[in-house]
C-alpha atoms as a PDB file:
ATOM      1  CA  MET A   1     -77.892 -65.660 -42.889  1.00  0.00           C
ATOM      2  CA  GLU A   2     -81.546 -63.958 -42.548  1.00  0.00           C
ATOM      3  CA  ALA A   3     -83.417 -65.533 -39.936  1.00  0.00           C
ATOM      4  CA  LEU A   4     -86.420 -67.764 -40.600  1.00  0.00           C
ATOM      5  CA  GLU A   5     -89.767 -66.052 -40.381  1.00  0.00           C
ATOM      6  CA  LEU A   6     -92.967 -68.170 -40.052  1.00  0.00           C
ATOM      7  CA  PRO A   7     -94.677 -68.856 -43.485  1.00  0.00           C
ATOM      8  CA  THR A   8     -97.633 -66.399 -43.671  1.00  0.00           C
ATOM      9  CA  VAL A   9    -101.158 -68.372 -43.670  1.00  0.00           C
ATOM     10  CA  LYS A  10    -103.454 -66.924 -46.690  1.00  0.00           C
ATOM     11  CA  VAL A  11    -106.214 -69.547 -46.100  1.00  0.00           C
ATOM     12  CA  ALA A  12    -106.671 -71.398 -43.172  1.00  0.00           C
ATOM     13  CA  LEU A  13    -109.709 -74.151 -43.226  1.00  0.00           C
ATOM     14  CA  LEU A  14    -110.714 -76.778 -40.771  1.00  0.00           C
ATOM     15  CA  CYS A  15    -112.171 -80.004 -42.363  1.00  0.00           C
ATOM     16  CA  ASP A  16    -112.147 -83.469 -41.951  1.00  0.00           C
ATOM     17  CA  ASP A  17    -110.001 -84.734 -44.424  1.00  0.00           C
ATOM     18  CA  VAL A  18    -107.483 -83.356 -47.498  1.00  0.00           C
ATOM     19  CA  ARG A  19    -106.961 -85.536 -50.339  1.00  0.00           C
ATOM     20  CA  ARG A  20    -104.574 -85.148 -53.666  1.00  0.00           C
ATOM     21  CA  GLU A  21    -105.386 -86.371 -57.071  1.00  0.00           C
ATOM     22  CA  ILE A  22    -102.437 -88.375 -59.063  1.00  0.00           C
ATOM     23  CA  THR A  23    -103.314 -84.460 -61.351  1.00  0.00           C
ATOM     24  CA  GLY A  24    -102.192 -82.894 -57.605  1.00  0.00           C
ATOM     25  CA  LYS A  25    -105.597 -81.352 -57.362  1.00  0.00           C
ATOM     26  CA  GLU A  26    -106.499 -81.318 -53.665  1.00  0.00           C
ATOM     27  CA  ILE A  27    -110.042 -82.147 -52.812  1.00  0.00           C
ATOM     28  CA  ILE A  28    -110.735 -80.225 -49.456  1.00  0.00           C
ATOM     29  CA  ILE A  29    -113.934 -82.506 -47.427  1.00  0.00           C
ATOM     30  CA  GLY A  30    -116.398 -81.367 -45.479  1.00  0.00           C
ATOM     31  CA  VAL A  31    -115.218 -77.918 -44.356  1.00  0.00           C
ATOM     32  CA  PHE A  32    -116.137 -76.366 -40.838  1.00  0.00           C
ATOM     33  CA  SER A  33    -117.704 -73.141 -40.261  1.00  0.00           C
ATOM     34  CA  ASP A  34    -116.080 -70.970 -37.340  1.00  0.00           C
ATOM     35  CA  GLN A  35    -118.743 -72.763 -34.979  1.00  0.00           C
ATOM     36  CA  ILE A  36    -119.176 -76.231 -34.070  1.00  0.00           C
ATOM     37  CA  ASN A  37    -122.405 -77.158 -31.919  1.00  0.00           C
ATOM     38  CA  VAL A  38    -122.060 -80.895 -29.997  1.00  0.00           C
ATOM     39  CA  VAL A  39    -124.981 -82.585 -28.663  1.00  0.00           C
ATOM     40  CA  SER A  40    -122.342 -83.562 -25.467  1.00  0.00           C
ATOM     41  CA  PHE A  41    -119.053 -83.476 -23.632  1.00  0.00           C
ATOM     42  CA  PRO A  42    -116.966 -84.559 -23.426  1.00  0.00           C
ATOM     43  CA  ILE A  43    -116.699 -85.418 -27.176  1.00  0.00           C
ATOM     44  CA  THR A  44    -113.861 -86.172 -29.528  1.00  0.00           C
ATOM     45  CA  ILE A  45    -113.577 -84.342 -32.844  1.00  0.00           C
ATOM     46  CA  ILE A  46    -111.362 -85.524 -35.536  1.00  0.00           C
ATOM     47  CA  LEU A  47    -109.761 -82.516 -37.835  1.00  0.00           C
ATOM     48  CA  THR A  48    -107.318 -81.549 -40.272  1.00  0.00           C
ATOM     49  CA  LEU A  49    -105.996 -78.132 -40.541  1.00  0.00           C
ATOM     50  CA  TYR A  50    -105.513 -77.205 -44.309  1.00  0.00           C
ATOM     51  CA  MET A  51    -103.318 -73.987 -45.205  1.00  0.00           C
ATOM     52  CA  ARG A  52    -102.408 -71.872 -48.097  1.00  0.00           C
ATOM     53  CA  VAL A  53     -99.144 -70.448 -47.141  1.00  0.00           C
ATOM     54  CA  ILE A  54     -96.052 -68.310 -48.536  1.00  0.00           C
ATOM     55  CA  PHE A  55     -92.316 -68.851 -47.114  1.00  0.00           C
ATOM     56  CA  SER A  56     -90.014 -65.733 -46.740  1.00  0.00           C
ATOM     57  CA  ASN A  57     -87.214 -68.344 -47.843  1.00  0.00           C
ATOM     58  CA  SER A  58     -87.045 -70.216 -50.914  1.00  0.00           C
ATOM     59  CA  ASN A  59     -85.519 -74.192 -51.113  1.00  0.00           C
ATOM     60  CA  THR A  60     -85.388 -73.785 -47.195  1.00  0.00           C
ATOM     61  CA  LYS A  61     -86.086 -76.228 -44.471  1.00  0.00           C
ATOM     62  CA  TYR A  62     -89.282 -74.746 -41.388  1.00  0.00           C
ATOM     63  CA  PRO A  63     -89.112 -76.508 -38.366  1.00  0.00           C
ATOM     64  CA  ILE A  64     -92.672 -76.360 -37.253  1.00  0.00           C
ATOM     65  CA  GLU A  65     -94.693 -76.900 -33.927  1.00  0.00           C
ATOM     66  CA  PHE A  66     -98.136 -77.375 -34.192  1.00  0.00           C
ATOM     67  CA  ARG A  67    -100.980 -77.156 -30.743  1.00  0.00           C
ATOM     68  CA  ALA A  68    -103.918 -76.859 -30.400  1.00  0.00           C
ATOM     69  CA  ILE A  69    -105.161 -75.206 -26.872  1.00  0.00           C
ATOM     70  CA  ASN A  70    -108.648 -74.425 -25.098  1.00  0.00           C
ATOM     71  CA  ALA A  71    -109.437 -70.888 -23.861  1.00  0.00           C
ATOM     72  CA  SER A  72    -107.945 -71.702 -20.451  1.00  0.00           C
ATOM     73  CA  GLY A  73    -104.146 -72.641 -22.442  1.00  0.00           C
ATOM     74  CA  ASN A  74    -104.793 -76.345 -21.795  1.00  0.00           C
ATOM     75  CA  GLN A  75    -103.318 -78.381 -24.781  1.00  0.00           C
ATOM     76  CA  LEU A  76    -105.717 -80.797 -26.038  1.00  0.00           C
ATOM     77  CA  VAL A  77    -103.159 -82.565 -28.164  1.00  0.00           C
ATOM     78  CA  PRO A  78     -99.333 -82.909 -28.041  1.00  0.00           C
ATOM     79  CA  VAL A  79     -97.068 -80.633 -29.536  1.00  0.00           C
ATOM     80  CA  ALA A  80     -96.467 -81.990 -32.869  1.00  0.00           C
ATOM     81  CA  LYS A  81     -93.278 -81.417 -35.034  1.00  0.00           C
ATOM     82  CA  THR A  82     -92.867 -81.038 -38.546  1.00  0.00           C
ATOM     83  CA  VAL A  83     -90.725 -80.023 -41.170  1.00  0.00           C
ATOM     84  CA  LEU A  84     -92.109 -77.810 -44.073  1.00  0.00           C
ATOM     85  CA  ASP A  85     -89.793 -77.208 -47.461  1.00  0.00           C
ATOM     86  CA  SER A  86     -90.632 -74.542 -49.572  1.00  0.00           C
ATOM     87  CA  LEU A  87     -89.826 -74.635 -53.000  1.00  0.00           C
ATOM     88  CA  ASN A  88     -90.431 -71.284 -54.046  1.00  0.00           C
ATOM     89  CA  ALA A  89     -90.744 -67.777 -51.861  1.00  0.00           C
ATOM     90  CA  THR A  90     -92.871 -65.938 -54.499  1.00  0.00           C
ATOM     91  CA  GLN A  91     -95.130 -69.069 -54.954  1.00  0.00           C
ATOM     92  CA  THR A  92     -98.492 -70.115 -52.324  1.00  0.00           C
ATOM     93  CA  SER A  93     -97.873 -73.604 -51.273  1.00  0.00           C
ATOM     94  CA  THR A  94     -99.898 -75.902 -49.629  1.00  0.00           C
ATOM     95  CA  ALA A  95     -99.328 -77.402 -46.056  1.00  0.00           C
ATOM     96  CA  VAL A  96    -101.721 -80.229 -44.207  1.00  0.00           C
ATOM     97  CA  LEU A  97    -101.285 -80.751 -41.047  1.00  0.00           C
ATOM     98  CA  GLY A  98    -103.649 -83.458 -39.699  1.00  0.00           C
ATOM     99  CA  PRO A  99    -105.447 -85.330 -38.860  1.00  0.00           C
ATOM    100  CA  VAL A 100    -105.573 -84.584 -35.238  1.00  0.00           C
ATOM    101  CA  PRO A 101    -107.484 -85.694 -32.704  1.00  0.00           C
ATOM    102  CA  LEU A 102    -109.184 -83.191 -30.157  1.00  0.00           C
ATOM    103  CA  HIS A 103    -110.479 -84.489 -26.937  1.00  0.00           C
ATOM    104  CA  ILE A 104    -112.647 -81.600 -25.613  1.00  0.00           C
ATOM    105  CA  GLN A 105    -114.235 -81.673 -22.360  1.00  0.00           C
ATOM    106  CA  ALA A 106    -116.095 -78.375 -22.455  1.00  0.00           C
ATOM    107  CA  PRO A 107    -117.428 -75.485 -24.441  1.00  0.00           C
ATOM    108  CA  GLY A 108    -115.331 -72.616 -25.564  1.00  0.00           C
ATOM    109  CA  ALA A 109    -112.798 -71.614 -28.025  1.00  0.00           C
ATOM    110  CA  ILE A 110    -109.890 -73.552 -29.445  1.00  0.00           C
ATOM    111  CA  SER A 111    -106.851 -72.069 -31.025  1.00  0.00           C
ATOM    112  CA  PHE A 112    -105.009 -73.898 -33.367  1.00  0.00           C
ATOM    113  CA  GLN A 113    -100.753 -72.298 -33.086  1.00  0.00           C
ATOM    114  CA  TRP A 114     -97.992 -73.074 -34.514  1.00  0.00           C
ATOM    115  CA  ARG A 115     -94.025 -71.514 -34.400  1.00  0.00           C
ATOM    116  CA  LEU A 116     -91.027 -71.994 -35.808  1.00  0.00           C
ATOM    117  CA  GLU A 117     -88.888 -74.417 -33.151  1.00  0.00           C
ATOM    118  CA  ASN A 118     -89.014 -72.786 -29.380  1.00  0.00           C
ATOM    119  CA  ARG A 119     -90.212 -69.779 -30.566  1.00  0.00           C
ATOM    120  CA  GLU A 120     -93.156 -67.648 -29.797  1.00  0.00           C
ATOM    121  CA  TRP A 121     -96.565 -69.161 -30.552  1.00  0.00           C
ATOM    122  CA  THR A 122     -98.826 -67.705 -33.332  1.00  0.00           C
ATOM    123  CA  THR A 123    -102.602 -68.189 -33.679  1.00  0.00           C
ATOM    124  CA  ILE A 124    -103.648 -69.785 -37.203  1.00  0.00           C
ATOM    125  CA  THR A 125    -107.447 -70.031 -36.866  1.00  0.00           C
ATOM    126  CA  ILE A 126    -109.630 -70.135 -33.632  1.00  0.00           C
ATOM    127  CA  LEU A 127    -112.752 -72.739 -33.527  1.00  0.00           C
ATOM    128  CA  ASP A 128    -115.893 -72.418 -31.583  1.00  0.00           C
ATOM    129  CA  VAL A 129    -117.381 -75.336 -29.768  1.00  0.00           C
ATOM    130  CA  ALA A 130    -120.574 -75.165 -27.998  1.00  0.00           C
ATOM    131  CA  PRO A 131    -123.736 -76.753 -27.121  1.00  0.00           C
ATOM    132  CA  VAL A 132    -126.374 -77.508 -29.441  1.00  0.00           C
ATOM    133  CA  PRO A 133    -128.679 -74.382 -29.015  1.00  0.00           C
ATOM    134  CA  THR A 134    -131.904 -74.552 -27.637  1.00  0.00           C
ATOM    135  CA  GLY A 135    -135.107 -74.944 -29.575  1.00  0.00           C
ATOM    136  CA  ASP A 136    -135.418 -76.007 -33.372  1.00  0.00           C
ATOM    137  CA  ALA A 137    -133.387 -73.707 -35.322  1.00  0.00           C
ATOM    138  CA  VAL A 138    -129.683 -73.909 -35.749  1.00  0.00           C
ATOM    139  CA  PRO A 139    -127.755 -70.740 -36.460  1.00  0.00           C
ATOM    140  CA  PRO A 140    -127.001 -70.351 -40.038  1.00  0.00           C
ATOM    141  CA  GLY A 141    -123.331 -71.368 -40.670  1.00  0.00           C
ATOM    142  CA  GLU A 142    -122.695 -73.383 -37.451  1.00  0.00           C
ATOM    143  CA  VAL A 143    -122.266 -77.182 -37.748  1.00  0.00           C
ATOM    144  CA  ILE A 144    -123.973 -79.801 -35.330  1.00  0.00           C
ATOM    145  CA  ILE A 145    -121.843 -83.053 -34.355  1.00  0.00           C
ATOM    146  CA  GLN A 146    -123.408 -85.972 -32.497  1.00  0.00           C
ATOM    147  CA  LYS A 147    -121.211 -88.703 -30.812  1.00  0.00           C
ATOM    148  CA  MET A 148    -120.910 -91.801 -33.264  1.00  0.00           C
ATOM    149  CA  THR A 149    -122.417 -95.081 -31.244  1.00  0.00           C
ATOM    150  CA  THR A 150    -120.973 -98.401 -32.950  1.00  0.00           C
ATOM    151  CA  ALA A 151    -123.324-101.417 -32.904  1.00  0.00           C
END
């Protein structure tokens, strides 16, 4: 029997939400850039990871573990487990993980990683979280997130 390999990630987007219409069309809401600027720390950000993947084997169940870690290697969420089913190894498929609430204490890089159960972790994508830059201008391609308060 051939050993399973992680699916190959062709596209990875961090966003607010992913919805699917009756027609099968996916709607990706609120795509984040590679950097998010926040007004203050600590902060909680809820993200969804949308991926287009290619499986190495068809008609196979892939036991996947997922985590998000900061630059110090500390986990920001408990390890999540799921099983991805491949339908056709030659076809690109969608995998959506989330929503994931991240409790961020300080600026730095956040790595989103996955692995086949009990194997080595592989980084899918990295998001940099930084304080709002001084001055009025926000560098191009960056998003500013402020804490929401309720009345």
